[in-house]
Amino acid sequence: MKLKSTTYSTFLTLVLLLWFHKAIVNGYFMDMTQHHT
């Protein structure tokens, strides 16, 4: 039970990190396009 809970928490953290990284990358590229135009 404890191992399953830890795995679930790790999975949630990875998903949040991936989403956060994607948001930063998207924002970065959006800033780049705005500066170029």
PDB file of N, CA and C in Angstrom:
ATOM      1  N   MET A   1       0.844  -1.206   0.000  1.00  0.00           N
ATOM      2  CA  MET A   1       0.000   0.000   0.000  1.00  0.00           C
ATOM      3  C   MET A   1       0.876   1.252   0.000  1.00  0.00           C
ATOM      4  N   LYS A   2       1.876   1.240   0.876  1.00  0.00           N
ATOM      5  CA  LYS A   2       2.744   2.413   0.957  1.00  0.00           C
ATOM      6  C   LYS A   2       3.544   2.584  -0.346  1.00  0.00           C
ATOM      7  N   LEU A   3       4.003   1.447  -0.893  1.00  0.00           N
ATOM      8  CA  LEU A   3       4.787   1.518  -2.126  1.00  0.00           C
ATOM      9  C   LEU A   3       3.927   2.061  -3.259  1.00  0.00           C
ATOM     10  N   LYS A   4       2.679   1.629  -3.311  1.00  0.00           N
ATOM     11  CA  LYS A   4       1.777   2.086  -4.365  1.00  0.00           C
ATOM     12  C   LYS A   4       1.531   3.592  -4.232  1.00  0.00           C
ATOM     13  N   SER A   5       1.378   4.057  -2.991  1.00  0.00           N
ATOM     14  CA  SER A   5       1.137   5.476  -2.761  1.00  0.00           C
ATOM     15  C   SER A   5       2.355   6.292  -3.196  1.00  0.00           C
ATOM     16  N   THR A   6       3.549   5.783  -2.877  1.00  0.00           N
ATOM     17  CA  THR A   6       4.765   6.493  -3.255  1.00  0.00           C
ATOM     18  C   THR A   6       4.905   6.543  -4.765  1.00  0.00           C
ATOM     19  N   THR A   7       4.593   5.445  -5.433  1.00  0.00           N
ATOM     20  CA  THR A   7       4.687   5.413  -6.896  1.00  0.00           C
ATOM     21  C   THR A   7       3.700   6.407  -7.499  1.00  0.00           C
ATOM     22  N   TYR A   8       2.501   6.482  -6.935  1.00  0.00           N
ATOM     23  CA  TYR A   8       1.477   7.406  -7.434  1.00  0.00           C
ATOM     24  C   TYR A   8       1.942   8.850  -7.259  1.00  0.00           C
ATOM     25  N   SER A   9       2.548   9.148  -6.093  1.00  0.00           N
ATOM     26  CA  SER A   9       3.032  10.508  -5.845  1.00  0.00           C
ATOM     27  C   SER A   9       4.143  10.858  -6.817  1.00  0.00           C
ATOM     28  N   THR A  10       5.040   9.906  -7.068  1.00  0.00           N
ATOM     29  CA  THR A  10       6.137  10.154  -8.007  1.00  0.00           C
ATOM     30  C   THR A  10       5.580  10.392  -9.404  1.00  0.00           C
ATOM     31  N   PHE A  11       4.584   9.612  -9.787  1.00  0.00           N
ATOM     32  CA  PHE A  11       3.969   9.764 -11.106  1.00  0.00           C
ATOM     33  C   PHE A  11       3.322  11.141 -11.244  1.00  0.00           C
ATOM     34  N   LEU A  12       2.609  11.574 -10.201  1.00  0.00           N
ATOM     35  CA  LEU A  12       1.969  12.889 -10.236  1.00  0.00           C
ATOM     36  C   LEU A  12       3.020  13.989 -10.350  1.00  0.00           C
ATOM     37  N   THR A  13       4.115  13.842  -9.605  1.00  0.00           N
ATOM     38  CA  THR A  13       5.176  14.850  -9.659  1.00  0.00           C
ATOM     39  C   THR A  13       5.781  14.923 -11.046  1.00  0.00           C
ATOM     40  N   LEU A  14       6.009  13.762 -11.672  1.00  0.00           N
ATOM     41  CA  LEU A  14       6.584  13.745 -13.022  1.00  0.00           C
ATOM     42  C   LEU A  14       5.637  14.416 -14.013  1.00  0.00           C
ATOM     43  N   VAL A  15       4.335  14.136 -13.879  1.00  0.00           N
ATOM     44  CA  VAL A  15       3.359  14.737 -14.794  1.00  0.00           C
ATOM     45  C   VAL A  15       3.351  16.253 -14.630  1.00  0.00           C
ATOM     46  N   LEU A  16       3.385  16.709 -13.374  1.00  0.00           N
ATOM     47  CA  LEU A  16       3.379  18.153 -13.130  1.00  0.00           C
ATOM     48  C   LEU A  16       4.644  18.793 -13.676  1.00  0.00           C
ATOM     49  N   LEU A  17       5.783  18.139 -13.495  1.00  0.00           N
ATOM     50  CA  LEU A  17       7.040  18.690 -14.000  1.00  0.00           C
ATOM     51  C   LEU A  17       7.021  18.760 -15.518  1.00  0.00           C
ATOM     52  N   LEU A  18       6.506  17.710 -16.167  1.00  0.00           N
ATOM     53  CA  LEU A  18       6.440  17.705 -17.628  1.00  0.00           C
ATOM     54  C   LEU A  18       5.520  18.815 -18.127  1.00  0.00           C
ATOM     55  N   TRP A  19       4.356  18.973 -17.467  1.00  0.00           N
ATOM     56  CA  TRP A  19       3.418  20.016 -17.874  1.00  0.00           C
ATOM     57  C   TRP A  19       4.025  21.396 -17.658  1.00  0.00           C
ATOM     58  N   PHE A  20       4.715  21.575 -16.522  1.00  0.00           N
ATOM     59  CA  PHE A  20       5.348  22.863 -16.210  1.00  0.00           C
ATOM     60  C   PHE A  20       6.435  23.173 -17.223  1.00  0.00           C
ATOM     61  N   HIS A  21       7.236  22.169 -17.576  1.00  0.00           N
ATOM     62  CA  HIS A  21       8.308  22.351 -18.559  1.00  0.00           C
ATOM     63  C   HIS A  21       7.713  22.712 -19.922  1.00  0.00           C
ATOM     64  N   LYS A  22       6.631  22.050 -20.288  1.00  0.00           N
ATOM     65  CA  LYS A  22       5.983  22.317 -21.571  1.00  0.00           C
ATOM     66  C   LYS A  22       5.433  23.747 -21.599  1.00  0.00           C
ATOM     67  N   ALA A  23       4.859  24.177 -20.480  1.00  0.00           N
ATOM     68  CA  ALA A  23       4.313  25.536 -20.409  1.00  0.00           C
ATOM     69  C   ALA A  23       5.441  26.564 -20.554  1.00  0.00           C
ATOM     70  N   ILE A  24       6.584  26.309 -19.908  1.00  0.00           N
ATOM     71  CA  ILE A  24       7.719  27.234 -20.001  1.00  0.00           C
ATOM     72  C   ILE A  24       8.237  27.287 -21.432  1.00  0.00           C
ATOM     73  N   VAL A  25       8.380  26.123 -22.061  1.00  0.00           N
ATOM     74  CA  VAL A  25       8.889  26.073 -23.438  1.00  0.00           C
ATOM     75  C   VAL A  25       7.923  26.793 -24.373  1.00  0.00           C
ATOM     76  N   ASN A  26       6.616  26.545 -24.206  1.00  0.00           N
ATOM     77  CA  ASN A  26       5.627  27.201 -25.058  1.00  0.00           C
ATOM     78  C   ASN A  26       5.681  28.714 -24.859  1.00  0.00           C
ATOM     79  N   GLY A  27       5.788  29.161 -23.613  1.00  0.00           N
ATOM     80  CA  GLY A  27       5.867  30.593 -23.328  1.00  0.00           C
ATOM     81  C   GLY A  27       7.131  31.190 -23.924  1.00  0.00           C
ATOM     82  N   TYR A  28       8.230  30.436 -23.855  1.00  0.00           N
ATOM     83  CA  TYR A  28       9.500  30.919 -24.404  1.00  0.00           C
ATOM     84  C   TYR A  28       9.394  31.113 -25.910  1.00  0.00           C
ATOM     85  N   PHE A  29       8.834  30.123 -26.596  1.00  0.00           N
ATOM     86  CA  PHE A  29       8.707  30.219 -28.045  1.00  0.00           C
ATOM     87  C   PHE A  29       7.704  31.310 -28.430  1.00  0.00           C
ATOM     88  N   MET A  30       6.661  31.492 -27.610  1.00  0.00           N
ATOM     89  CA  MET A  30       5.698  32.548 -27.896  1.00  0.00           C
ATOM     90  C   MET A  30       6.369  33.910 -27.775  1.00  0.00           C
ATOM     91  N   ASP A  31       7.243  34.070 -26.769  1.00  0.00           N
ATOM     92  CA  ASP A  31       7.970  35.326 -26.619  1.00  0.00           C
ATOM     93  C   ASP A  31       8.895  35.541 -27.812  1.00  0.00           C
ATOM     94  N   MET A  32       9.524  34.482 -28.275  1.00  0.00           N
ATOM     95  CA  MET A  32      10.445  34.589 -29.409  1.00  0.00           C
ATOM     96  C   MET A  32       9.692  35.077 -30.650  1.00  0.00           C
ATOM     97  N   THR A  33       8.529  34.489 -30.921  1.00  0.00           N
ATOM     98  CA  THR A  33       7.769  34.879 -32.107  1.00  0.00           C
ATOM     99  C   THR A  33       7.275  36.315 -31.965  1.00  0.00           C
ATOM    100  N   GLN A  34       6.908  36.710 -30.759  1.00  0.00           N
ATOM    101  CA  GLN A  34       6.432  38.076 -30.557  1.00  0.00           C
ATOM    102  C   GLN A  34       7.569  39.069 -30.800  1.00  0.00           C
ATOM    103  N   HIS A  35       8.776  38.724 -30.373  1.00  0.00           N
ATOM    104  CA  HIS A  35       9.912  39.625 -30.567  1.00  0.00           C
ATOM    105  C   HIS A  35      10.294  39.708 -32.040  1.00  0.00           C
ATOM    106  N   HIS A  36      10.115  38.615 -32.770  1.00  0.00           N
ATOM    107  CA  HIS A  36      10.515  38.602 -34.176  1.00  0.00           C
ATOM    108  C   HIS A  36       9.540  39.378 -35.052  1.00  0.00           C
ATOM    109  N   THR A  37       8.278  39.500 -34.604  1.00  0.00           N
ATOM    110  CA  THR A  37       7.299  40.193 -35.435  1.00  0.00           C
ATOM    111  C   THR A  37       7.189  41.662 -35.079  1.00  0.00           C
TER     112      THR A  37
END
